[in-house]
């Protein structure tokens, strides 16, 4: 069921994107440091969007790597606690009130 919903959402976004590209097909002058070029407005917007996504990914890489290290450290600590708990469960229980010296 979720596959169908995802497919419908994808097709809707694709249709909106294509209609945006058709409505904004006029060429615009794109000036950059090494020259200039005439591109359609929709292509300029798409290139800008891709560059923004890449900049966001690069900017968040430090945080992502830090959090992955933290998850790894916590998993190791959890494994140590689980091992200690397993060893404690195998110990026989002694009732200090029943034992008399």
PDB file of N, CA and C in Angstrom:
ATOM      1  N   UNK A   1       0.819  -1.193   0.000  1.00  0.00           N
ATOM      2  CA  UNK A   1       0.000   0.000   0.000  1.00  0.00           C
ATOM      3  C   UNK A   1       0.864   1.259   0.000  1.00  0.00           C
ATOM      4  N   UNK A   2       1.940   1.279   0.802  1.00  0.00           N
ATOM      5  CA  UNK A   2       2.795   2.459   0.855  1.00  0.00           C
ATOM      6  C   UNK A   2       3.528   2.660  -0.469  1.00  0.00           C
ATOM      7  N   UNK A   3       3.767   1.561  -1.202  1.00  0.00           N
ATOM      8  CA  UNK A   3       4.418   1.683  -2.509  1.00  0.00           C
ATOM      9  C   UNK A   3       3.532   2.481  -3.462  1.00  0.00           C
ATOM     10  N   UNK A   4       2.248   2.218  -3.424  1.00  0.00           N
ATOM     11  CA  UNK A   4       1.308   2.928  -4.299  1.00  0.00           C
ATOM     12  C   UNK A   4       1.238   4.406  -3.914  1.00  0.00           C
ATOM     13  N   UNK A   5       1.204   4.692  -2.625  1.00  0.00           N
ATOM     14  CA  UNK A   5       1.175   6.086  -2.162  1.00  0.00           C
ATOM     15  C   UNK A   5       2.453   6.799  -2.577  1.00  0.00           C
ATOM     16  N   UNK A   6       3.598   6.134  -2.401  1.00  0.00           N
ATOM     17  CA  UNK A   6       4.876   6.739  -2.808  1.00  0.00           C
ATOM     18  C   UNK A   6       4.912   6.982  -4.309  1.00  0.00           C
ATOM     19  N   UNK A   7       4.390   6.049  -5.082  1.00  0.00           N
ATOM     20  CA  UNK A   7       4.353   6.206  -6.532  1.00  0.00           C
ATOM     21  C   UNK A   7       3.460   7.368  -6.932  1.00  0.00           C
ATOM     22  N   UNK A   8       2.319   7.508  -6.288  1.00  0.00           N
ATOM     23  CA  UNK A   8       1.409   8.618  -6.598  1.00  0.00           C
ATOM     24  C   UNK A   8       2.059   9.959  -6.249  1.00  0.00           C
ATOM     25  N   UNK A   9       2.706  10.024  -5.095  1.00  0.00           N
ATOM     26  CA  UNK A   9       3.391  11.261  -4.698  1.00  0.00           C
ATOM     27  C   UNK A   9       4.512  11.584  -5.678  1.00  0.00           C
ATOM     28  N   UNK A  10       5.292  10.569  -6.080  1.00  0.00           N
ATOM     29  CA  UNK A  10       6.377  10.780  -7.036  1.00  0.00           C
ATOM     30  C   UNK A  10       5.837  11.298  -8.366  1.00  0.00           C
ATOM     31  N   UNK A  11       4.766  10.698  -8.858  1.00  0.00           N
ATOM     32  CA  UNK A  11       4.184  11.136 -10.126  1.00  0.00           C
ATOM     33  C   UNK A  11       3.616  12.544 -10.028  1.00  0.00           C
ATOM     34  N   UNK A  12       3.041  12.887  -8.884  1.00  0.00           N
ATOM     35  CA  UNK A  12       2.532  14.238  -8.675  1.00  0.00           C
ATOM     36  C   UNK A  12       3.664  15.264  -8.688  1.00  0.00           C
ATOM     37  N   UNK A  13       4.742  14.973  -7.984  1.00  0.00           N
ATOM     38  CA  UNK A  13       5.887  15.885  -7.957  1.00  0.00           C
ATOM     39  C   UNK A  13       6.517  15.990  -9.341  1.00  0.00           C
ATOM     40  N   UNK A  14       6.616  14.870 -10.048  1.00  0.00           N
ATOM     41  CA  UNK A  14       7.166  14.877 -11.399  1.00  0.00           C
ATOM     42  C   UNK A  14       6.309  15.721 -12.336  1.00  0.00           C
ATOM     43  N   UNK A  15       4.991  15.588 -12.234  1.00  0.00           N
ATOM     44  CA  UNK A  15       4.082  16.379 -13.062  1.00  0.00           C
ATOM     45  C   UNK A  15       4.206  17.864 -12.749  1.00  0.00           C
ATOM     46  N   UNK A  16       4.277  18.203 -11.474  1.00  0.00           N
ATOM     47  CA  UNK A  16       4.443  19.610 -11.096  1.00  0.00           C
ATOM     48  C   UNK A  16       5.780  20.156 -11.599  1.00  0.00           C
ATOM     49  N   UNK A  17       6.825  19.358 -11.500  1.00  0.00           N
ATOM     50  CA  UNK A  17       8.135  19.782 -11.984  1.00  0.00           C
ATOM     51  C   UNK A  17       8.162  19.986 -13.482  1.00  0.00           C
ATOM     52  N   UNK A  18       7.551  19.072 -14.210  1.00  0.00           N
ATOM     53  CA  UNK A  18       7.501  19.220 -15.664  1.00  0.00           C
ATOM     54  C   UNK A  18       6.673  20.434 -16.072  1.00  0.00           C
ATOM     55  N   UNK A  19       5.552  20.662 -15.400  1.00  0.00           N
ATOM     56  CA  UNK A  19       4.742  21.839 -15.730  1.00  0.00           C
ATOM     57  C   UNK A  19       5.493  23.124 -15.390  1.00  0.00           C
ATOM     58  N   UNK A  20       6.260  23.118 -14.312  1.00  0.00           N
ATOM     59  CA  UNK A  20       7.089  24.273 -13.963  1.00  0.00           C
ATOM     60  C   UNK A  20       8.129  24.521 -15.039  1.00  0.00           C
ATOM     61  N   UNK A  21       8.754  23.443 -15.527  1.00  0.00           N
ATOM     62  CA  UNK A  21       9.773  23.581 -16.573  1.00  0.00           C
ATOM     63  C   UNK A  21       9.168  24.113 -17.867  1.00  0.00           C
ATOM     64  N   UNK A  22       7.970  23.680 -18.202  1.00  0.00           N
ATOM     65  CA  UNK A  22       7.324  24.142 -19.433  1.00  0.00           C
ATOM     66  C   UNK A  22       6.914  25.611 -19.313  1.00  0.00           C
ATOM     67  N   UNK A  23       6.391  25.993 -18.139  1.00  0.00           N
ATOM     68  CA  UNK A  23       5.954  27.380 -17.949  1.00  0.00           C
ATOM     69  C   UNK A  23       7.127  28.360 -17.875  1.00  0.00           C
ATOM     70  N   UNK A  24       8.308  27.885 -17.494  1.00  0.00           N
ATOM     71  CA  UNK A  24       9.475  28.749 -17.323  1.00  0.00           C
ATOM     72  C   UNK A  24      10.584  28.357 -18.278  1.00  0.00           C
ATOM     73  N   UNK A  25      10.249  28.224 -19.543  1.00  0.00           N
ATOM     74  CA  UNK A  25      11.234  27.799 -20.538  1.00  0.00           C
ATOM     75  C   UNK A  25      11.978  28.972 -21.166  1.00  0.00           C
ATOM     76  N   UNK A  26      11.655  30.200 -20.781  1.00  0.00           N
ATOM     77  CA  UNK A  26      12.330  31.350 -21.370  1.00  0.00           C
ATOM     78  C   UNK A  26      13.809  31.340 -21.021  1.00  0.00           C
ATOM     79  N   UNK A  27      14.665  31.657 -21.959  1.00  0.00           N
ATOM     80  CA  UNK A  27      16.095  31.700 -21.650  1.00  0.00           C
ATOM     81  C   UNK A  27      16.442  32.945 -20.837  1.00  0.00           C
ATOM     82  N   UNK A  28      17.345  32.764 -19.900  1.00  0.00           N
ATOM     83  CA  UNK A  28      17.848  33.886 -19.097  1.00  0.00           C
ATOM     84  C   UNK A  28      19.368  33.880 -19.197  1.00  0.00           C
ATOM     85  N   UNK A  29      19.941  35.026 -18.997  1.00  0.00           N
ATOM     86  CA  UNK A  29      21.389  35.159 -19.051  1.00  0.00           C
ATOM     87  C   UNK A  29      21.951  34.817 -17.677  1.00  0.00           C
ATOM     88  N   UNK A  30      22.815  33.822 -17.626  1.00  0.00           N
ATOM     89  CA  UNK A  30      23.440  33.411 -16.373  1.00  0.00           C
ATOM     90  C   UNK A  30      24.885  33.880 -16.394  1.00  0.00           C
ATOM     91  N   UNK A  31      25.203  34.838 -15.542  1.00  0.00           N
ATOM     92  CA  UNK A  31      26.568  35.362 -15.451  1.00  0.00           C
ATOM     93  C   UNK A  31      27.258  34.705 -14.276  1.00  0.00           C
ATOM     94  N   UNK A  32      28.421  34.177 -14.514  1.00  0.00           N
ATOM     95  CA  UNK A  32      29.230  33.584 -13.460  1.00  0.00           C
ATOM     96  C   UNK A  32      30.660  34.084 -13.634  1.00  0.00           C
ATOM     97  N   UNK A  33      31.559  33.693 -12.774  1.00  0.00           N
ATOM     98  CA  UNK A  33      32.902  34.276 -12.717  1.00  0.00           C
ATOM     99  C   UNK A  33      33.696  34.122 -14.008  1.00  0.00           C
ATOM    100  N   UNK A  34      33.498  33.050 -14.736  1.00  0.00           N
ATOM    101  CA  UNK A  34      34.324  32.769 -15.898  1.00  0.00           C
ATOM    102  C   UNK A  34      33.632  33.070 -17.223  1.00  0.00           C
ATOM    103  N   UNK A  35      32.456  33.630 -17.191  1.00  0.00           N
ATOM    104  CA  UNK A  35      31.739  33.936 -18.421  1.00  0.00           C
ATOM    105  C   UNK A  35      30.253  34.017 -18.170  1.00  0.00           C
ATOM    106  N   UNK A  36      29.505  33.858 -19.245  1.00  0.00           N
ATOM    107  CA  UNK A  36      28.062  33.868 -19.119  1.00  0.00           C
ATOM    108  C   UNK A  36      27.484  32.894 -20.138  1.00  0.00           C
ATOM    109  N   UNK A  37      26.229  32.511 -19.886  1.00  0.00           N
ATOM    110  CA  UNK A  37      25.575  31.552 -20.753  1.00  0.00           C
ATOM    111  C   UNK A  37      24.077  31.761 -20.680  1.00  0.00           C
ATOM    112  N   UNK A  38      23.385  31.481 -21.764  1.00  0.00           N
ATOM    113  CA  UNK A  38      21.923  31.586 -21.790  1.00  0.00           C
ATOM    114  C   UNK A  38      21.353  30.187 -21.537  1.00  0.00           C
ATOM    115  N   UNK A  39      20.571  30.084 -20.456  1.00  0.00           N
ATOM    116  CA  UNK A  39      19.918  28.826 -20.084  1.00  0.00           C
ATOM    117  C   UNK A  39      18.458  29.099 -19.790  1.00  0.00           C
ATOM    118  N   UNK A  40      17.651  28.064 -19.830  1.00  0.00           N
ATOM    119  CA  UNK A  40      16.242  28.256 -19.473  1.00  0.00           C
ATOM    120  C   UNK A  40      16.143  28.497 -17.970  1.00  0.00           C
ATOM    121  N   UNK A  41      15.142  29.247 -17.600  1.00  0.00           N
ATOM    122  CA  UNK A  41      14.955  29.604 -16.192  1.00  0.00           C
ATOM    123  C   UNK A  41      14.766  28.371 -15.328  1.00  0.00           C
ATOM    124  N   UNK A  42      14.015  27.391 -15.823  1.00  0.00           N
ATOM    125  CA  UNK A  42      13.777  26.184 -15.028  1.00  0.00           C
ATOM    126  C   UNK A  42      15.076  25.413 -14.798  1.00  0.00           C
ATOM    127  N   UNK A  43      15.979  25.404 -15.780  1.00  0.00           N
ATOM    128  CA  UNK A  43      17.264  24.725 -15.602  1.00  0.00           C
ATOM    129  C   UNK A  43      18.123  25.460 -14.572  1.00  0.00           C
ATOM    130  N   UNK A  44      18.095  26.783 -14.609  1.00  0.00           N
ATOM    131  CA  UNK A  44      18.847  27.567 -13.615  1.00  0.00           C
ATOM    132  C   UNK A  44      18.319  27.293 -12.212  1.00  0.00           C
ATOM    133  N   UNK A  45      16.996  27.219 -12.060  1.00  0.00           N
ATOM    134  CA  UNK A  45      16.405  26.937 -10.749  1.00  0.00           C
ATOM    135  C   UNK A  45      16.784  25.534 -10.300  1.00  0.00           C
ATOM    136  N   UNK A  46      16.747  24.563 -11.211  1.00  0.00           N
ATOM    137  CA  UNK A  46      17.116  23.187 -10.875  1.00  0.00           C
ATOM    138  C   UNK A  46      18.582  23.090 -10.458  1.00  0.00           C
ATOM    139  N   UNK A  47      19.464  23.746 -11.197  1.00  0.00           N
ATOM    140  CA  UNK A  47      20.895  23.734 -10.839  1.00  0.00           C
ATOM    141  C   UNK A  47      21.103  24.378  -9.478  1.00  0.00           C
ATOM    142  N   UNK A  48      20.408  25.473  -9.205  1.00  0.00           N
ATOM    143  CA  UNK A  48      20.515  26.138  -7.903  1.00  0.00           C
ATOM    144  C   UNK A  48      20.017  25.235  -6.783  1.00  0.00           C
ATOM    145  N   UNK A  49      18.927  24.525  -7.031  1.00  0.00           N
ATOM    146  CA  UNK A  49      18.394  23.594  -6.035  1.00  0.00           C
ATOM    147  C   UNK A  49      19.391  22.479  -5.739  1.00  0.00           C
ATOM    148  N   UNK A  50      19.977  21.921  -6.780  1.00  0.00           N
ATOM    149  CA  UNK A  50      20.962  20.841  -6.588  1.00  0.00           C
ATOM    150  C   UNK A  50      22.183  21.349  -5.836  1.00  0.00           C
ATOM    151  N   UNK A  51      22.649  22.544  -6.167  1.00  0.00           N
ATOM    152  CA  UNK A  51      23.803  23.106  -5.461  1.00  0.00           C
ATOM    153  C   UNK A  51      23.465  23.359  -3.983  1.00  0.00           C
ATOM    154  N   UNK A  52      22.255  23.800  -3.711  1.00  0.00           N
ATOM    155  CA  UNK A  52      21.843  24.017  -2.322  1.00  0.00           C
ATOM    156  C   UNK A  52      21.763  22.721  -1.534  1.00  0.00           C
ATOM    157  N   UNK A  53      21.248  21.671  -2.165  1.00  0.00           N
ATOM    158  CA  UNK A  53      21.175  20.366  -1.494  1.00  0.00           C
ATOM    159  C   UNK A  53      22.586  19.859  -1.196  1.00  0.00           C
ATOM    160  N   UNK A  54      23.479  19.970  -2.174  1.00  0.00           N
ATOM    161  CA  UNK A  54      24.859  19.520  -1.956  1.00  0.00           C
ATOM    162  C   UNK A  54      25.549  20.331  -0.858  1.00  0.00           C
ATOM    163  N   UNK A  55      25.311  21.637  -0.834  1.00  0.00           N
ATOM    164  CA  UNK A  55      25.891  22.469   0.232  1.00  0.00           C
ATOM    165  C   UNK A  55      25.344  22.060   1.597  1.00  0.00           C
ATOM    166  N   UNK A  56      24.061  21.747   1.671  1.00  0.00           N
ATOM    167  CA  UNK A  56      23.473  21.303   2.936  1.00  0.00           C
ATOM    168  C   UNK A  56      24.044  19.978   3.401  1.00  0.00           C
ATOM    169  N   UNK A  57      24.252  19.058   2.473  1.00  0.00           N
ATOM    170  CA  UNK A  57      24.826  17.757   2.826  1.00  0.00           C
ATOM    171  C   UNK A  57      26.257  17.929   3.328  1.00  0.00           C
ATOM    172  N   UNK A  58      27.040  18.735   2.621  1.00  0.00           N
ATOM    173  CA  UNK A  58      28.425  18.964   3.045  1.00  0.00           C
ATOM    174  C   UNK A  58      28.462  19.652   4.407  1.00  0.00           C
ATOM    175  N   UNK A  59      27.568  20.602   4.631  1.00  0.00           N
ATOM    176  CA  UNK A  59      27.539  21.319   5.908  1.00  0.00           C
ATOM    177  C   UNK A  59      27.145  20.409   7.060  1.00  0.00           C
ATOM    178  N   UNK A  60      26.339  19.398   6.811  1.00  0.00           N
ATOM    179  CA  UNK A  60      25.888  18.530   7.899  1.00  0.00           C
ATOM    180  C   UNK A  60      26.743  17.283   8.072  1.00  0.00           C
ATOM    181  N   UNK A  61      27.737  17.074   7.239  1.00  0.00           N
ATOM    182  CA  UNK A  61      28.566  15.869   7.350  1.00  0.00           C
ATOM    183  C   UNK A  61      29.273  15.773   8.698  1.00  0.00           C
ATOM    184  N   UNK A  62      29.754  16.888   9.213  1.00  0.00           N
ATOM    185  CA  UNK A  62      30.439  16.864  10.508  1.00  0.00           C
ATOM    186  C   UNK A  62      29.532  16.359  11.618  1.00  0.00           C
ATOM    187  N   UNK A  63      28.318  16.850  11.647  1.00  0.00           N
ATOM    188  CA  UNK A  63      27.359  16.444  12.675  1.00  0.00           C
ATOM    189  C   UNK A  63      26.987  14.968  12.495  1.00  0.00           C
ATOM    190  N   UNK A  64      26.786  14.556  11.245  1.00  0.00           N
ATOM    191  CA  UNK A  64      26.417  13.164  10.970  1.00  0.00           C
ATOM    192  C   UNK A  64      27.522  12.223  11.425  1.00  0.00           C
ATOM    193  N   UNK A  65      28.769  12.545  11.105  1.00  0.00           N
ATOM    194  CA  UNK A  65      29.894  11.689  11.508  1.00  0.00           C
ATOM    195  C   UNK A  65      30.010  11.644  13.025  1.00  0.00           C
ATOM    196  N   UNK A  66      29.841  12.796  13.686  1.00  0.00           N
ATOM    197  CA  UNK A  66      29.908  12.835  15.150  1.00  0.00           C
ATOM    198  C   UNK A  66      28.823  11.959  15.765  1.00  0.00           C
ATOM    199  N   UNK A  67      27.617  12.031  15.237  1.00  0.00           N
ATOM    200  CA  UNK A  67      26.515  11.229  15.782  1.00  0.00           C
ATOM    201  C   UNK A  67      26.708   9.741  15.510  1.00  0.00           C
ATOM    202  N   UNK A  68      27.283   9.387  14.364  1.00  0.00           N
ATOM    203  CA  UNK A  68      27.548   7.974  14.088  1.00  0.00           C
ATOM    204  C   UNK A  68      28.588   7.418  15.061  1.00  0.00           C
ATOM    205  N   UNK A  69      29.594   8.221  15.386  1.00  0.00           N
ATOM    206  CA  UNK A  69      30.584   7.785  16.386  1.00  0.00           C
ATOM    207  C   UNK A  69      29.926   7.590  17.747  1.00  0.00           C
ATOM    208  N   UNK A  70      29.043   8.505  18.113  1.00  0.00           N
ATOM    209  CA  UNK A  70      28.339   8.407  19.394  1.00  0.00           C
ATOM    210  C   UNK A  70      27.468   7.156  19.438  1.00  0.00           C
ATOM    211  N   UNK A  71      26.777   6.853  18.350  1.00  0.00           N
ATOM    212  CA  UNK A  71      25.952   5.646  18.284  1.00  0.00           C
ATOM    213  C   UNK A  71      26.827   4.407  18.429  1.00  0.00           C
ATOM    214  N   UNK A  72      27.977   4.400  17.765  1.00  0.00           N
ATOM    215  CA  UNK A  72      28.887   3.259  17.867  1.00  0.00           C
ATOM    216  C   UNK A  72      29.383   3.075  19.301  1.00  0.00           C
ATOM    217  N   UNK A  73      29.747   4.182  19.948  1.00  0.00           N
ATOM    218  CA  UNK A  73      30.214   4.113  21.335  1.00  0.00           C
ATOM    219  C   UNK A  73      29.114   3.603  22.253  1.00  0.00           C
ATOM    220  N   UNK A  74      27.899   4.086  22.053  1.00  0.00           N
ATOM    221  CA  UNK A  74      26.792   3.654  22.901  1.00  0.00           C
ATOM    222  C   UNK A  74      26.429   2.192  22.661  1.00  0.00           C
ATOM    223  N   UNK A  75      26.546   1.726  21.427  1.00  0.00           N
ATOM    224  CA  UNK A  75      26.281   0.306  21.153  1.00  0.00           C
ATOM    225  C   UNK A  75      27.304  -0.580  21.856  1.00  0.00           C
ATOM    226  N   UNK A  76      28.581  -0.166  21.847  1.00  0.00           N
ATOM    227  CA  UNK A  76      29.609  -0.945  22.550  1.00  0.00           C
ATOM    228  C   UNK A  76      29.332  -0.971  24.045  1.00  0.00           C
ATOM    229  N   UNK A  77      28.947   0.177  24.604  1.00  0.00           N
ATOM    230  CA  UNK A  77      28.633   0.234  26.034  1.00  0.00           C
ATOM    231  C   UNK A  77      27.420  -0.643  26.339  1.00  0.00           C
ATOM    232  N   UNK A  78      26.432  -0.653  25.455  1.00  0.00           N
ATOM    233  CA  UNK A  78      25.251  -1.486  25.647  1.00  0.00           C
ATOM    234  C   UNK A  78      25.609  -2.969  25.594  1.00  0.00           C
ATOM    235  N   UNK A  79      26.501  -3.336  24.696  1.00  0.00           N
ATOM    236  CA  UNK A  79      26.940  -4.733  24.628  1.00  0.00           C
ATOM    237  C   UNK A  79      27.658  -5.143  25.908  1.00  0.00           C
ATOM    238  N   UNK A  80      28.471  -4.239  26.468  1.00  0.00           N
ATOM    239  CA  UNK A  80      29.164  -4.536  27.718  1.00  0.00           C
ATOM    240  C   UNK A  80      28.167  -4.708  28.860  1.00  0.00           C
ATOM    241  N   UNK A  81      27.157  -3.861  28.908  1.00  0.00           N
ATOM    242  CA  UNK A  81      26.135  -3.965  29.954  1.00  0.00           C
ATOM    243  C   UNK A  81      25.340  -5.254  29.778  1.00  0.00           C
ATOM    244  N   UNK A  82      25.011  -5.607  28.538  1.00  0.00           N
ATOM    245  CA  UNK A  82      24.285  -6.858  28.287  1.00  0.00           C
ATOM    246  C   UNK A  82      25.109  -8.071  28.703  1.00  0.00           C
ATOM    247  N   UNK A  83      26.418  -8.031  28.441  1.00  0.00           N
ATOM    248  CA  UNK A  83      27.285  -9.138  28.840  1.00  0.00           C
ATOM    249  C   UNK A  83      27.351  -9.241  30.359  1.00  0.00           C
ATOM    250  N   UNK A  84      27.445  -8.103  31.045  1.00  0.00           N
ATOM    251  CA  UNK A  84      27.477  -8.116  32.507  1.00  0.00           C
ATOM    252  C   UNK A  84      26.152  -8.631  33.070  1.00  0.00           C
ATOM    253  N   UNK A  85      25.049  -8.222  32.479  1.00  0.00           N
ATOM    254  CA  UNK A  85      23.743  -8.688  32.930  1.00  0.00           C
ATOM    255  C   UNK A  85      23.605 -10.192  32.728  1.00  0.00           C
ATOM    256  N   UNK A  86      24.088 -10.696  31.619  1.00  0.00           N
ATOM    257  CA  UNK A  86      24.024 -12.138  31.366  1.00  0.00           C
ATOM    258  C   UNK A  86      24.853 -12.902  32.387  1.00  0.00           C
ATOM    259  N   UNK A  87      26.024 -12.355  32.727  1.00  0.00           N
ATOM    260  CA  UNK A  87      26.855 -13.042  33.718  1.00  0.00           C
ATOM    261  C   UNK A  87      26.219 -12.976  35.110  1.00  0.00           C
ATOM    262  N   UNK A  88      25.541 -11.887  35.430  1.00  0.00           N
ATOM    263  CA  UNK A  88      24.879 -11.783  36.727  1.00  0.00           C
ATOM    264  C   UNK A  88      23.679 -12.726  36.822  1.00  0.00           C
ATOM    265  N   UNK A  89      23.050 -12.974  35.704  1.00  0.00           N
ATOM    266  CA  UNK A  89      21.903 -13.881  35.715  1.00  0.00           C
ATOM    267  C   UNK A  89      22.316 -15.325  35.952  1.00  0.00           C
ATOM    268  N   UNK A  90      23.549 -15.666  35.652  1.00  0.00           N
ATOM    269  CA  UNK A  90      24.000 -17.040  35.856  1.00  0.00           C
ATOM    270  C   UNK A  90      24.497 -17.285  37.272  1.00  0.00           C
ATOM    271  N   UNK A  91      24.693 -16.238  38.047  1.00  0.00           N
ATOM    272  CA  UNK A  91      25.151 -16.401  39.424  1.00  0.00           C
ATOM    273  C   UNK A  91      24.022 -16.988  40.278  1.00  0.00           C
ATOM    274  N   UNK A  92      24.358 -17.877  41.182  1.00  0.00           N
ATOM    275  CA  UNK A  92      23.319 -18.417  42.059  1.00  0.00           C
ATOM    276  C   UNK A  92      22.903 -17.365  43.085  1.00  0.00           C
ATOM    277  N   UNK A  93      21.636 -17.392  43.418  1.00  0.00           N
ATOM    278  CA  UNK A  93      21.123 -16.439  44.402  1.00  0.00           C
ATOM    279  C   UNK A  93      21.338 -17.001  45.795  1.00  0.00           C
ATOM    280  N   UNK A  94      21.783 -16.141  46.698  1.00  0.00           N
ATOM    281  CA  UNK A  94      21.989 -16.531  48.102  1.00  0.00           C
ATOM    282  C   UNK A  94      21.096 -15.640  48.950  1.00  0.00           C
ATOM    283  N   UNK A  95      20.385 -16.276  49.874  1.00  0.00           N
ATOM    284  CA  UNK A  95      19.526 -15.522  50.768  1.00  0.00           C
ATOM    285  C   UNK A  95      20.312 -15.267  52.038  1.00  0.00           C
ATOM    286  N   UNK A  96      20.717 -14.020  52.298  1.00  0.00           N
ATOM    287  CA  UNK A  96      21.531 -13.746  53.480  1.00  0.00           C
ATOM    288  C   UNK A  96      20.776 -13.973  54.783  1.00  0.00           C
ATOM    289  N   UNK A  97      19.455 -13.957  54.790  1.00  0.00           N
ATOM    290  CA  UNK A  97      18.707 -14.164  56.022  1.00  0.00           C
ATOM    291  C   UNK A  97      18.674 -15.638  56.410  1.00  0.00           C
ATOM    292  N   UNK A  98      18.735 -16.534  55.489  1.00  0.00           N
ATOM    293  CA  UNK A  98      18.689 -17.956  55.803  1.00  0.00           C
ATOM    294  C   UNK A  98      20.036 -18.509  56.221  1.00  0.00           C
ATOM    295  N   UNK A  99      21.073 -17.855  55.749  1.00  0.00           N
ATOM    296  CA  UNK A  99      22.403 -18.346  56.114  1.00  0.00           C
ATOM    297  C   UNK A  99      22.752 -17.860  57.510  1.00  0.00           C
ATOM    298  N   UNK A 100      23.172 -18.762  58.329  1.00  0.00           N
ATOM    299  CA  UNK A 100      23.594 -18.350  59.650  1.00  0.00           C
ATOM    300  C   UNK A 100      25.083 -18.672  59.810  1.00  0.00           C
ATOM    301  N   UNK A 101      25.810 -17.778  60.367  1.00  0.00           N
ATOM    302  CA  UNK A 101      27.266 -17.988  60.514  1.00  0.00           C
ATOM    303  C   UNK A 101      27.657 -18.993  61.553  1.00  0.00           C
TER     304      UNK A 101
END
